[in-house]
Structure formats: structure tokens, C-alpha cells
Amino acid sequence: MSSLQIAVEERNGVSTLLLRGELDIVTIGKLARSLSEVESKETRTIVFDLTELDFIDSSGLRIIVAADTEARRAGGRVVVVEGREAVRRVFRHTLLDKRLTLVEDADEI
């Protein structure tokens, strides 16, 4: 059974969701609930910090893309802090590295 831990940090209008473990169809509901709470606060910038994520599947990609679409519509933005090579590879192979704002380090935000 996969597991996902999520830590949410809010500072200066930026909400960061630090993800640890595996983001997949089994754990996506947990992220959806955390993201819903963050979005309800009308945060201008949402950061998905994937530096400690071991695995992401298409359901994980879908929720990040949906959050990005919604943030753009509301005049905000989503930033993804790239993680381990296996996770970065998924973004490259799906060409989402061209659509999303990806950074190597949270200090780049």
C-alpha cells in the first residue's frame, strides 16, 4: 500500500505543499483535500514541492495540471519544485515541463 505525507506551509501569500512518499491513484484523495483547503484561502501562489516524492502517476499529474489551470484562471500561479530523477522524468516524458513552471529549488520562487 502506498503512502503520502503532506506538509502545508503558508508564508507571504505562498502556500507550499511538501509531498513525501507516493502520489498515485490510492493517495490522490489526500492531496485533493489539502489542495482544496489551500485554494479556499485564495492563495496567489501554490507550490508543489516534490523534492521528497518517490513516485507520481498520471492521477498526480492531473491534479497538478488542474491546480495550475485554476490558478491561472484566478490570476495566480502554480510552481513545481522538481524532485528526484524518476519524478522529473515523468514531467519531461509527458511534456509537462513545457507547460508548468518547474524550478530546481524552492529558493527560486
C-alpha atoms as a PDB file:
ATOM      1  CA  MET A   1       0.000   0.000   0.000  1.00  0.00           C
ATOM      2  CA  SER A   2       1.391   3.380  -0.998  1.00  0.00           C
ATOM      3  CA  SER A   3       1.587   6.268   1.410  1.00  0.00           C
ATOM      4  CA  LEU A   4       1.720  10.029   1.093  1.00  0.00           C
ATOM      5  CA  GLN A   5       2.554  12.621   3.703  1.00  0.00           C
ATOM      6  CA  ILE A   6       1.729  16.269   3.058  1.00  0.00           C
ATOM      7  CA  ALA A   7       3.045  19.253   4.977  1.00  0.00           C
ATOM      8  CA  VAL A   8       1.496  22.626   4.184  1.00  0.00           C
ATOM      9  CA  GLU A   9       3.382  25.832   4.829  1.00  0.00           C
ATOM     10  CA  GLU A  10       1.935  29.279   4.233  1.00  0.00           C
ATOM     11  CA  ARG A  11       4.065  32.381   4.055  1.00  0.00           C
ATOM     12  CA  ASN A  12       3.571  35.768   2.376  1.00  0.00           C
ATOM     13  CA  GLY A  13       0.727  34.647   0.096  1.00  0.00           C
ATOM     14  CA  VAL A  14       2.543  31.476  -0.953  1.00  0.00           C
ATOM     15  CA  SER A  15       1.212  28.073   0.042  1.00  0.00           C
ATOM     16  CA  THR A  16       3.695  25.238  -0.244  1.00  0.00           C
ATOM     17  CA  LEU A  17       2.609  21.615  -0.236  1.00  0.00           C
ATOM     18  CA  LEU A  18       5.610  19.423   0.568  1.00  0.00           C
ATOM     19  CA  LEU A  19       4.877  15.892  -0.641  1.00  0.00           C
ATOM     20  CA  ARG A  20       6.647  12.795   0.700  1.00  0.00           C
ATOM     21  CA  GLY A  21       6.115   9.244  -0.477  1.00  0.00           C
ATOM     22  CA  GLU A  22       3.981   8.224  -3.437  1.00  0.00           C
ATOM     23  CA  LEU A  23       1.383  10.299  -5.264  1.00  0.00           C
ATOM     24  CA  ASP A  24      -0.884   7.895  -7.095  1.00  0.00           C
ATOM     25  CA  ILE A  25      -4.487   6.864  -7.501  1.00  0.00           C
ATOM     26  CA  VAL A  26      -4.545   5.480  -3.955  1.00  0.00           C
ATOM     27  CA  THR A  27      -3.244   8.677  -2.301  1.00  0.00           C
ATOM     28  CA  ILE A  28      -4.670  11.356  -4.610  1.00  0.00           C
ATOM     29  CA  GLY A  29      -7.679  11.995  -2.346  1.00  0.00           C
ATOM     30  CA  LYS A  30      -5.380  13.134   0.437  1.00  0.00           C
ATOM     31  CA  LEU A  31      -3.747  15.698  -1.842  1.00  0.00           C
ATOM     32  CA  ALA A  32      -7.125  16.794  -3.206  1.00  0.00           C
ATOM     33  CA  ARG A  33      -8.317  17.594   0.330  1.00  0.00           C
ATOM     34  CA  SER A  34      -5.152  19.535   1.191  1.00  0.00           C
ATOM     35  CA  LEU A  35      -5.268  21.415  -2.092  1.00  0.00           C
ATOM     36  CA  SER A  36      -8.922  22.298  -1.588  1.00  0.00           C
ATOM     37  CA  GLU A  37      -8.080  23.837   1.787  1.00  0.00           C
ATOM     38  CA  VAL A  38      -5.225  25.848   0.261  1.00  0.00           C
ATOM     39  CA  GLU A  39      -7.378  27.051  -2.656  1.00  0.00           C
ATOM     40  CA  SER A  40     -10.164  28.131  -0.303  1.00  0.00           C
ATOM     41  CA  LYS A  41      -7.747  30.654   1.212  1.00  0.00           C
ATOM     42  CA  GLU A  42      -7.347  32.347  -2.185  1.00  0.00           C
ATOM     43  CA  THR A  43      -3.601  31.870  -2.181  1.00  0.00           C
ATOM     44  CA  ARG A  44      -1.932  33.625  -5.131  1.00  0.00           C
ATOM     45  CA  THR A  45       0.898  31.106  -5.498  1.00  0.00           C
ATOM     46  CA  ILE A  46       0.704  27.383  -4.852  1.00  0.00           C
ATOM     47  CA  VAL A  47       3.962  25.456  -4.723  1.00  0.00           C
ATOM     48  CA  PHE A  48       4.115  21.692  -5.090  1.00  0.00           C
ATOM     49  CA  ASP A  49       7.451  20.714  -3.545  1.00  0.00           C
ATOM     50  CA  LEU A  50       8.273  17.278  -4.933  1.00  0.00           C
ATOM     51  CA  THR A  51      11.829  17.036  -3.607  1.00  0.00           C
ATOM     52  CA  GLU A  52      10.837  14.196  -1.278  1.00  0.00           C
ATOM     53  CA  LEU A  53       8.373  12.458  -3.589  1.00  0.00           C
ATOM     54  CA  ASP A  54       9.354   8.923  -4.636  1.00  0.00           C
ATOM     55  CA  PHE A  55       6.689   8.282  -7.281  1.00  0.00           C
ATOM     56  CA  ILE A  56       3.992  10.083  -9.249  1.00  0.00           C
ATOM     57  CA  ASP A  57       1.448   8.609 -11.651  1.00  0.00           C
ATOM     58  CA  SER A  58      -0.992  10.176 -14.103  1.00  0.00           C
ATOM     59  CA  SER A  59      -3.533  10.986 -11.379  1.00  0.00           C
ATOM     60  CA  GLY A  60      -0.864  13.036  -9.613  1.00  0.00           C
ATOM     61  CA  LEU A  61      -0.009  14.858 -12.810  1.00  0.00           C
ATOM     62  CA  ARG A  62      -3.688  15.502 -13.449  1.00  0.00           C
ATOM     63  CA  ILE A  63      -4.261  17.200 -10.095  1.00  0.00           C
ATOM     64  CA  ILE A  64      -1.197  19.431 -10.527  1.00  0.00           C
ATOM     65  CA  VAL A  65      -2.277  20.454 -14.041  1.00  0.00           C
ATOM     66  CA  ALA A  66      -5.833  21.118 -12.821  1.00  0.00           C
ATOM     67  CA  ALA A  67      -4.481  23.273  -9.979  1.00  0.00           C
ATOM     68  CA  ASP A  68      -2.344  25.187 -12.480  1.00  0.00           C
ATOM     69  CA  THR A  69      -5.319  25.771 -14.780  1.00  0.00           C
ATOM     70  CA  GLU A  70      -7.459  27.007 -11.895  1.00  0.00           C
ATOM     71  CA  ALA A  71      -4.708  29.241 -10.514  1.00  0.00           C
ATOM     72  CA  ARG A  72      -4.157  30.865 -13.924  1.00  0.00           C
ATOM     73  CA  ARG A  73      -7.880  31.439 -14.278  1.00  0.00           C
ATOM     74  CA  ALA A  74      -7.904  33.186 -10.882  1.00  0.00           C
ATOM     75  CA  GLY A  75      -4.816  35.278 -11.663  1.00  0.00           C
ATOM     76  CA  GLY A  76      -2.445  33.150  -9.589  1.00  0.00           C
ATOM     77  CA  ARG A  77       0.207  30.609 -10.394  1.00  0.00           C
ATOM     78  CA  VAL A  78       1.454  27.133  -9.604  1.00  0.00           C
ATOM     79  CA  VAL A  79       5.137  26.329  -9.257  1.00  0.00           C
ATOM     80  CA  VAL A  80       6.541  22.804  -9.079  1.00  0.00           C
ATOM     81  CA  VAL A  81       9.820  22.201  -7.274  1.00  0.00           C
ATOM     82  CA  GLU A  82      11.377  19.307  -9.128  1.00  0.00           C
ATOM     83  CA  GLY A  83      12.183  16.187  -7.242  1.00  0.00           C
ATOM     84  CA  ARG A  84      14.155  13.043  -7.796  1.00  0.00           C
ATOM     85  CA  GLU A  85      15.132  11.970 -11.308  1.00  0.00           C
ATOM     86  CA  ALA A  86      12.310   9.412 -11.549  1.00  0.00           C
ATOM     87  CA  VAL A  87       9.750  12.151 -10.836  1.00  0.00           C
ATOM     88  CA  ARG A  88      11.419  14.715 -13.139  1.00  0.00           C
ATOM     89  CA  ARG A  89      11.443  12.152 -15.928  1.00  0.00           C
ATOM     90  CA  VAL A  90       7.634  11.847 -15.792  1.00  0.00           C
ATOM     91  CA  PHE A  91       7.264  15.600 -16.337  1.00  0.00           C
ATOM     92  CA  ARG A  92       9.721  15.506 -19.260  1.00  0.00           C
ATOM     93  CA  HIS A  93       8.149  12.474 -20.958  1.00  0.00           C
ATOM     94  CA  THR A  94       4.673  13.965 -20.749  1.00  0.00           C
ATOM     95  CA  LEU A  95       5.990  17.375 -21.916  1.00  0.00           C
ATOM     96  CA  LEU A  96       4.531  18.975 -18.810  1.00  0.00           C
ATOM     97  CA  ASP A  97       7.933  20.533 -18.214  1.00  0.00           C
ATOM     98  CA  LYS A  98       6.946  22.824 -21.133  1.00  0.00           C
ATOM     99  CA  ARG A  99       3.518  23.723 -19.712  1.00  0.00           C
ATOM    100  CA  LEU A 100       4.192  24.060 -15.986  1.00  0.00           C
ATOM    101  CA  THR A 101       6.572  26.327 -14.119  1.00  0.00           C
ATOM    102  CA  LEU A 102       9.271  23.967 -12.828  1.00  0.00           C
ATOM    103  CA  VAL A 103      12.173  25.033 -10.619  1.00  0.00           C
ATOM    104  CA  GLU A 104      15.030  23.051  -9.131  1.00  0.00           C
ATOM    105  CA  ASP A 105      14.956  24.734  -5.738  1.00  0.00           C
ATOM    106  CA  ALA A 106      12.266  26.430  -3.651  1.00  0.00           C
ATOM    107  CA  ASP A 107      14.564  29.446  -3.309  1.00  0.00           C
ATOM    108  CA  GLU A 108      13.947  30.166  -7.000  1.00  0.00           C
ATOM    109  CA  ILE A 109      10.305  31.086  -6.366  1.00  0.00           C
END
